[in-house]
N, C-alpha and C. Protein backbone atom coordinates (compact mmCIF):
# COMPACT_ATOMS: atom_id res chain seq x y z
N MET A 1 56.53 -25.78 -3.15
CA MET A 1 57.11 -24.68 -2.28
C MET A 1 56.95 -23.45 -3.56
N ALA A 2 57.29 -24.11 -4.80
CA ALA A 2 57.06 -23.04 -5.95
C ALA A 2 55.26 -22.62 -5.96
N ARG A 3 54.81 -23.24 -5.37
CA ARG A 3 52.85 -23.53 -5.77
C ARG A 3 52.53 -22.06 -4.87
N HIS A 4 53.44 -21.68 -3.96
CA HIS A 4 52.83 -20.75 -2.61
C HIS A 4 53.47 -19.53 -2.98
N ALA A 5 54.51 -19.55 -3.66
CA ALA A 5 55.41 -18.45 -4.04
C ALA A 5 55.09 -17.42 -5.39
N GLN A 6 53.85 -17.76 -6.08
CA GLN A 6 53.23 -17.33 -7.09
C GLN A 6 52.87 -16.20 -6.93
N PRO A 7 52.88 -15.14 -7.20
CA PRO A 7 52.11 -13.64 -6.62
C PRO A 7 50.47 -13.88 -7.14
N LYS A 8 49.84 -13.19 -6.69
CA LYS A 8 48.35 -13.13 -7.04
C LYS A 8 48.01 -12.15 -7.67
N ALA A 9 49.14 -11.76 -8.58
CA ALA A 9 48.56 -10.37 -9.68
C ALA A 9 47.33 -10.51 -10.43
N PRO A 10 47.37 -11.60 -11.14
CA PRO A 10 46.72 -11.83 -11.96
C PRO A 10 45.25 -11.75 -11.45
N ARG A 11 44.84 -12.06 -10.73
CA ARG A 11 43.47 -11.98 -10.02
C ARG A 11 43.36 -10.32 -9.76
N LEU A 12 43.89 -10.11 -9.06
CA LEU A 12 44.24 -8.66 -8.75
C LEU A 12 44.08 -7.57 -9.99
N ALA A 13 44.80 -8.04 -11.03
CA ALA A 13 44.59 -7.24 -12.46
C ALA A 13 43.35 -7.29 -12.92
N VAL A 14 42.67 -8.29 -12.92
CA VAL A 14 40.97 -8.74 -13.25
C VAL A 14 40.26 -8.00 -13.10
N LEU A 15 40.63 -7.93 -10.98
CA LEU A 15 39.54 -6.86 -10.32
C LEU A 15 39.71 -5.68 -11.09
N TRP A 16 41.21 -4.93 -11.06
CA TRP A 16 41.25 -4.00 -11.24
C TRP A 16 40.68 -3.43 -12.79
N LYS A 17 40.95 -4.09 -14.01
CA LYS A 17 40.22 -4.18 -15.05
C LYS A 17 38.53 -4.07 -15.08
N ALA A 18 38.13 -5.07 -14.20
CA ALA A 18 36.65 -5.03 -13.78
C ALA A 18 36.35 -3.50 -13.27
N GLY A 19 37.09 -2.80 -12.20
CA GLY A 19 36.63 -1.57 -11.68
C GLY A 19 36.55 -0.41 -12.53
N LEU A 20 37.97 -0.82 -13.47
CA LEU A 20 38.29 0.32 -14.67
C LEU A 20 36.53 0.24 -15.76
N GLY A 21 36.31 -0.64 -15.64
CA GLY A 21 35.18 -0.77 -16.57
C GLY A 21 33.94 -0.38 -16.24
N VAL A 22 33.63 -0.56 -14.96
CA VAL A 22 32.76 0.11 -14.40
C VAL A 22 32.50 1.32 -14.72
N THR A 23 33.95 2.19 -14.22
CA THR A 23 33.98 3.52 -13.83
C THR A 23 33.69 4.13 -15.22
N ALA A 24 34.28 3.46 -16.18
CA ALA A 24 34.35 4.11 -17.87
C ALA A 24 32.73 4.23 -17.42
N ALA A 25 32.20 2.87 -17.70
CA ALA A 25 30.68 2.69 -18.14
C ALA A 25 29.82 3.95 -17.73
N GLY A 26 29.97 4.10 -16.05
CA GLY A 26 29.21 4.96 -15.22
C GLY A 26 29.38 6.36 -16.11
N ALA A 27 30.54 6.75 -16.58
CA ALA A 27 31.02 8.37 -16.80
C ALA A 27 30.07 8.48 -18.60
N ALA A 28 30.28 7.19 -19.08
CA ALA A 28 30.09 7.39 -20.66
C ALA A 28 28.32 7.85 -20.07
N VAL A 29 27.79 7.25 -19.06
CA VAL A 29 26.30 7.37 -18.51
C VAL A 29 25.92 8.90 -18.44
N LEU A 30 26.66 9.07 -17.57
CA LEU A 30 26.59 10.42 -16.88
C LEU A 30 26.72 11.26 -17.67
N GLY A 31 27.52 11.33 -18.98
CA GLY A 31 28.18 12.24 -19.61
C GLY A 31 26.99 12.23 -21.10
N ALA A 32 26.62 11.11 -21.45
CA ALA A 32 25.47 11.28 -22.43
C ALA A 32 24.19 11.90 -21.73
N GLY A 33 23.88 11.74 -20.66
CA GLY A 33 22.93 12.45 -19.70
C GLY A 33 23.03 13.87 -19.94
N ALA A 34 24.36 14.29 -19.65
CA ALA A 34 24.59 16.04 -19.60
C ALA A 34 24.72 16.39 -21.04
N ALA A 35 24.85 15.61 -22.04
CA ALA A 35 25.03 16.08 -23.25
C ALA A 35 23.44 15.91 -23.72
N ALA A 36 22.81 15.16 -23.30
CA ALA A 36 21.21 15.48 -23.90
C ALA A 36 20.54 16.31 -23.10
N GLN A 37 20.76 16.48 -22.06
CA GLN A 37 20.27 17.55 -21.27
C GLN A 37 20.80 19.41 -21.95
N ALA A 38 22.02 19.73 -22.51
CA ALA A 38 22.75 20.53 -23.27
C ALA A 38 21.56 20.73 -24.22
N ALA A 39 21.67 19.67 -25.17
CA ALA A 39 20.52 19.53 -26.34
C ALA A 39 19.32 20.15 -26.86
N VAL A 40 18.58 19.95 -24.99
CA VAL A 40 17.27 20.66 -25.21
C VAL A 40 17.62 21.92 -25.24
N PRO A 41 16.64 22.66 -26.36
CA PRO A 41 16.68 24.13 -26.35
C PRO A 41 15.64 24.51 -24.77
N SER A 42 16.03 25.47 -24.66
CA SER A 42 15.62 25.87 -23.50
C SER A 42 13.94 27.14 -24.07
N VAL A 43 13.08 26.94 -23.34
CA VAL A 43 11.73 27.72 -23.66
C VAL A 43 11.46 28.49 -22.48
N PRO A 44 11.56 29.81 -23.23
CA PRO A 44 11.37 31.53 -21.93
C PRO A 44 9.94 30.97 -21.77
N LEU A 45 9.93 31.02 -20.34
CA LEU A 45 8.50 31.08 -19.89
C LEU A 45 7.93 32.88 -19.96
N PRO A 46 6.90 33.07 -20.11
CA PRO A 46 6.04 34.05 -19.89
C PRO A 46 6.83 35.18 -18.49
N VAL A 47 6.94 35.85 -18.28
CA VAL A 47 7.65 36.72 -16.90
C VAL A 47 6.31 37.08 -16.42
N ASP A 48 5.00 37.59 -17.50
CA ASP A 48 3.92 38.10 -16.66
C ASP A 48 2.79 36.97 -16.01
N SER A 49 3.22 35.52 -16.44
CA SER A 49 2.33 34.40 -15.57
C SER A 49 3.14 34.15 -14.56
N LEU A 50 4.15 34.43 -14.49
CA LEU A 50 4.79 34.16 -12.81
C LEU A 50 4.84 35.36 -11.92
N THR A 51 5.04 36.49 -12.49
CA THR A 51 4.64 37.77 -11.47
C THR A 51 3.24 37.79 -10.94
N ARG A 52 2.15 37.36 -11.81
CA ARG A 52 0.76 37.80 -10.99
C ARG A 52 0.52 36.19 -10.71
N THR A 53 0.23 36.49 -9.46
CA THR A 53 -0.17 35.19 -8.38
C THR A 53 -1.05 35.92 -7.24
N ASP A 54 -2.07 35.16 -7.35
CA ASP A 54 -3.27 35.27 -6.63
C ASP A 54 -2.91 35.07 -5.05
N ALA A 55 -2.34 35.55 -4.21
CA ALA A 55 -2.23 35.17 -2.91
C ALA A 55 -3.53 34.33 -1.85
N ALA A 56 -4.49 35.36 -2.11
CA ALA A 56 -5.93 34.91 -1.48
C ALA A 56 -6.51 33.77 -2.17
N ALA A 57 -6.07 33.50 -3.49
CA ALA A 57 -6.50 32.41 -4.16
C ALA A 57 -5.66 31.02 -3.65
N ALA A 58 -4.63 31.10 -3.93
CA ALA A 58 -3.65 30.50 -2.85
C ALA A 58 -4.05 29.71 -1.92
N GLY A 59 -4.16 30.82 -1.06
CA GLY A 59 -4.31 30.30 0.32
C GLY A 59 -5.25 29.43 0.63
N GLU A 60 -6.66 29.97 -0.29
CA GLU A 60 -7.95 29.71 0.15
C GLU A 60 -8.46 27.82 -0.59
N GLY A 61 -7.09 27.73 -1.74
CA GLY A 61 -7.13 26.68 -2.27
C GLY A 61 -6.23 25.65 -1.34
N ALA A 62 -5.17 25.92 -0.74
CA ALA A 62 -4.51 25.22 -0.18
C ALA A 62 -5.05 24.56 1.28
N LEU A 63 -5.99 25.80 1.79
CA LEU A 63 -6.69 25.62 3.03
C LEU A 63 -7.85 24.79 2.66
N THR A 64 -8.61 24.86 1.51
CA THR A 64 -9.36 23.65 1.14
C THR A 64 -8.82 22.57 0.83
N GLY A 65 -7.94 22.02 0.28
CA GLY A 65 -7.14 20.64 0.12
C GLY A 65 -6.98 20.49 1.50
N VAL A 66 -6.59 21.24 2.24
CA VAL A 66 -6.09 20.74 3.55
C VAL A 66 -7.20 20.21 4.75
N ALA A 67 -8.18 20.92 4.67
CA ALA A 67 -9.51 20.57 5.31
C ALA A 67 -10.44 19.04 4.39
N HIS A 68 -9.91 19.08 3.30
CA HIS A 68 -10.79 17.98 2.87
C HIS A 68 -9.94 16.83 3.13
N GLY A 69 -8.57 17.02 3.18
CA GLY A 69 -7.82 15.76 3.53
C GLY A 69 -8.00 15.68 5.11
N VAL A 70 -8.42 16.43 6.10
CA VAL A 70 -8.19 16.35 7.48
C VAL A 70 -9.72 15.88 7.61
N ALA A 71 -10.43 16.21 7.30
CA ALA A 71 -12.13 15.75 7.36
C ALA A 71 -12.30 14.44 7.76
N PRO A 72 -11.97 13.63 7.21
CA PRO A 72 -12.11 11.88 7.78
C PRO A 72 -11.65 11.83 9.12
N LEU A 73 -10.31 12.22 9.14
CA LEU A 73 -9.69 11.80 10.50
C LEU A 73 -10.22 12.98 11.75
N THR A 74 -11.25 13.63 11.44
CA THR A 74 -12.08 14.32 12.71
C THR A 74 -13.09 13.50 13.30
N ARG A 75 -13.15 12.26 12.46
CA ARG A 75 -14.80 10.71 12.77
C ARG A 75 -13.79 9.99 13.10
N LEU A 76 -12.47 9.90 13.17
CA LEU A 76 -12.10 8.76 13.96
C LEU A 76 -12.31 8.61 15.15
N GLN A 77 -12.49 7.50 15.85
CA GLN A 77 -12.42 6.92 17.08
C GLN A 77 -11.42 7.31 17.82
N LEU A 78 -11.17 8.06 19.14
CA LEU A 78 -9.89 8.69 19.66
C LEU A 78 -9.40 7.08 20.46
N ASP A 79 -10.09 6.91 21.08
CA ASP A 79 -9.79 5.93 21.87
C ASP A 79 -9.87 4.29 21.69
N PRO A 80 -9.04 3.23 20.90
CA PRO A 80 -9.37 2.22 20.65
C PRO A 80 -9.94 1.04 21.19
N LEU A 81 -9.80 1.31 22.85
CA LEU A 81 -10.33 0.59 23.75
C LEU A 81 -11.82 1.00 24.35
N ALA A 82 -12.11 1.88 23.74
CA ALA A 82 -13.37 2.79 24.07
C ALA A 82 -14.44 1.53 24.13
N ASN A 83 -15.71 1.75 25.18
CA ASN A 83 -16.36 0.66 25.92
C ASN A 83 -16.18 -0.54 26.12
N THR A 84 -14.86 -0.96 26.37
CA THR A 84 -14.39 -2.68 26.81
C THR A 84 -14.29 -2.45 27.70
N GLY A 85 -14.29 -3.50 28.59
CA GLY A 85 -13.71 -3.95 30.07
C GLY A 85 -12.03 -3.24 30.24
N VAL A 86 -11.56 -3.25 29.24
CA VAL A 86 -10.06 -2.95 29.77
C VAL A 86 -9.63 -1.70 29.43
N ASP A 87 -10.46 -0.91 29.32
CA ASP A 87 -10.12 0.77 28.62
C ASP A 87 -9.69 1.12 29.59
N PRO A 88 -8.25 1.81 30.25
CA PRO A 88 -7.79 2.34 31.25
C PRO A 88 -8.05 3.55 30.89
N LEU A 89 -8.88 4.57 30.25
CA LEU A 89 -9.27 6.12 30.70
C LEU A 89 -10.56 6.05 31.13
N ALA A 90 -11.50 4.61 31.21
CA ALA A 90 -12.44 4.90 32.04
C ALA A 90 -12.47 4.54 33.29
N ASN A 91 -11.24 4.96 33.92
CA ASN A 91 -11.20 4.68 35.07
C ASN A 91 -11.36 6.20 35.59
N GLY A 92 -12.52 6.20 36.37
CA GLY A 92 -12.97 7.56 36.63
C GLY A 92 -12.36 8.24 38.61
N LEU A 93 -12.22 9.10 38.72
CA LEU A 93 -12.00 9.56 40.13
C LEU A 93 -13.30 10.76 40.68
N GLY A 94 -13.86 10.84 41.67
CA GLY A 94 -14.59 11.68 41.83
C GLY A 94 -14.68 12.13 43.31
N THR A 95 -14.82 13.25 43.58
CA THR A 95 -15.21 13.85 44.94
C THR A 95 -15.97 15.00 45.54
N GLN A 96 -16.65 14.71 46.35
CA GLN A 96 -17.38 15.68 46.62
C GLN A 96 -16.77 16.95 48.03
N VAL A 97 -16.75 17.97 48.19
CA VAL A 97 -16.28 18.66 49.37
C VAL A 97 -18.04 19.25 49.58
N SER A 98 -18.51 18.43 51.40
CA SER A 98 -19.34 19.53 51.91
C SER A 98 -20.30 19.12 51.10
N ASP A 99 -21.29 20.50 50.80
CA ASP A 99 -23.00 20.26 50.11
C ASP A 99 -22.62 20.98 48.93
N PHE A 100 -21.31 20.62 48.39
CA PHE A 100 -20.90 21.47 46.95
C PHE A 100 -21.28 20.15 45.97
N LYS A 101 -21.42 20.51 44.56
CA LYS A 101 -21.58 19.69 43.66
C LYS A 101 -19.99 18.72 43.15
N PRO A 102 -20.21 17.40 43.31
CA PRO A 102 -19.07 16.55 43.09
C PRO A 102 -18.93 16.93 42.12
N VAL A 103 -17.68 16.60 41.99
CA VAL A 103 -16.66 17.10 40.65
C VAL A 103 -16.10 15.57 40.43
N GLY A 104 -15.46 15.22 39.25
CA GLY A 104 -14.70 14.08 38.76
C GLY A 104 -14.30 14.25 37.40
N THR A 105 -13.45 13.06 37.54
CA THR A 105 -12.85 13.31 35.91
C THR A 105 -14.06 12.76 34.71
N GLY A 106 -14.64 11.92 35.27
CA GLY A 106 -15.69 11.67 34.31
C GLY A 106 -16.04 12.89 33.30
N LEU A 107 -16.57 14.26 33.68
CA LEU A 107 -16.42 15.08 32.67
C LEU A 107 -15.47 15.13 31.91
N VAL A 108 -14.25 15.17 32.06
CA VAL A 108 -13.19 15.35 31.08
C VAL A 108 -13.14 14.06 30.07
N THR A 109 -13.16 13.00 30.26
CA THR A 109 -12.52 11.99 29.73
C THR A 109 -14.36 11.08 29.19
N ASP A 110 -15.22 11.11 29.36
CA ASP A 110 -16.37 10.42 29.25
C ASP A 110 -16.91 10.63 27.29
N HIS A 111 -16.55 11.55 26.90
CA HIS A 111 -16.22 12.13 25.57
C HIS A 111 -15.39 11.06 24.82
N VAL A 112 -14.12 10.75 25.67
CA VAL A 112 -13.20 9.80 24.73
C VAL A 112 -13.47 8.19 24.91
N THR A 113 -13.68 7.72 26.39
CA THR A 113 -13.90 6.55 26.69
C THR A 113 -15.22 6.29 26.30
N LYS A 114 -16.36 6.90 25.68
CA LYS A 114 -17.86 6.43 25.00
C LYS A 114 -17.51 6.23 23.34
N GLY A 115 -16.33 5.89 23.14
CA GLY A 115 -16.13 6.20 21.60
C GLY A 115 -16.15 7.17 20.61
N GLY A 116 -16.04 8.33 21.40
CA GLY A 116 -16.24 10.31 20.88
C GLY A 116 -14.81 10.00 19.93
N ALA A 117 -14.93 10.97 18.74
CA ALA A 117 -14.02 11.18 17.91
C ALA A 117 -13.86 12.87 18.49
N VAL A 118 -12.41 13.38 17.58
CA VAL A 118 -12.55 14.91 17.92
C VAL A 118 -13.54 15.62 17.40
N ALA A 119 -14.36 15.48 16.19
CA ALA A 119 -15.47 15.97 16.09
C ALA A 119 -16.46 16.34 16.90
N ASP A 120 -16.26 15.13 18.07
CA ASP A 120 -17.22 14.99 19.51
C ASP A 120 -16.99 15.60 20.23
N LEU A 121 -15.82 16.53 20.66
CA LEU A 121 -15.03 17.13 21.80
C LEU A 121 -15.51 18.30 21.82
N PRO A 122 -15.64 18.63 22.82
CA PRO A 122 -16.36 20.17 23.44
C PRO A 122 -15.94 21.37 22.54
N VAL A 123 -14.83 21.49 22.89
CA VAL A 123 -13.58 22.68 22.38
C VAL A 123 -13.39 22.39 20.55
N ALA A 124 -12.49 21.27 20.60
CA ALA A 124 -11.65 20.42 19.31
C ALA A 124 -13.13 20.54 18.36
N GLY A 125 -14.25 19.90 18.59
CA GLY A 125 -15.49 19.47 17.56
C GLY A 125 -15.80 20.92 16.85
N PRO A 126 -16.21 22.03 17.73
CA PRO A 126 -16.24 23.03 16.82
C PRO A 126 -15.55 23.39 16.15
N LEU A 127 -14.10 23.69 16.89
CA LEU A 127 -13.25 24.36 15.93
C LEU A 127 -12.71 23.35 14.30
N THR A 128 -13.16 22.36 14.91
CA THR A 128 -12.43 21.49 13.21
C THR A 128 -13.60 21.33 12.48
N GLN A 129 -15.02 21.97 12.67
CA GLN A 129 -16.05 22.12 11.90
C GLN A 129 -16.07 23.16 11.36
N SER A 130 -15.37 24.15 11.66
CA SER A 130 -15.82 25.50 11.38
C SER A 130 -14.56 25.83 9.84
N LEU A 131 -13.28 24.69 9.96
CA LEU A 131 -12.23 25.08 9.57
C LEU A 131 -12.89 24.09 8.22
N LEU A 132 -13.91 23.30 8.30
CA LEU A 132 -14.11 22.17 6.88
C LEU A 132 -14.69 23.62 5.92
N PRO A 133 -14.83 23.25 4.64
CA PRO A 133 -15.75 23.82 3.73
C PRO A 133 -17.53 23.74 3.83
């Protein structure tokens, strides 16, 4: 009975001390970082270089960078199942009324189902080519 009546304070005290030690170490690291940051002398930046920004050149550079990044994507095949027997987009539907010209969905979906890319599409293709430098 004396064995179960012992308090568990020694284990709790050890955990408490370990927690305080970790907290003190963290505070010391953060304090050292703040002191190091405060010790770095501040270098004044020339105000002239910050106020003279050529917006046209910045916009042109950004557009050129985006165009070069997007250019390879315009050549990727849109439909991964194109030219296969299991392509669900290859199913076309057509109709003809009286003696008018037949109309079907193949006119719209053929560019994609034949393995085309964005650059091959009738409307989006010329648009993407005009954006490239």
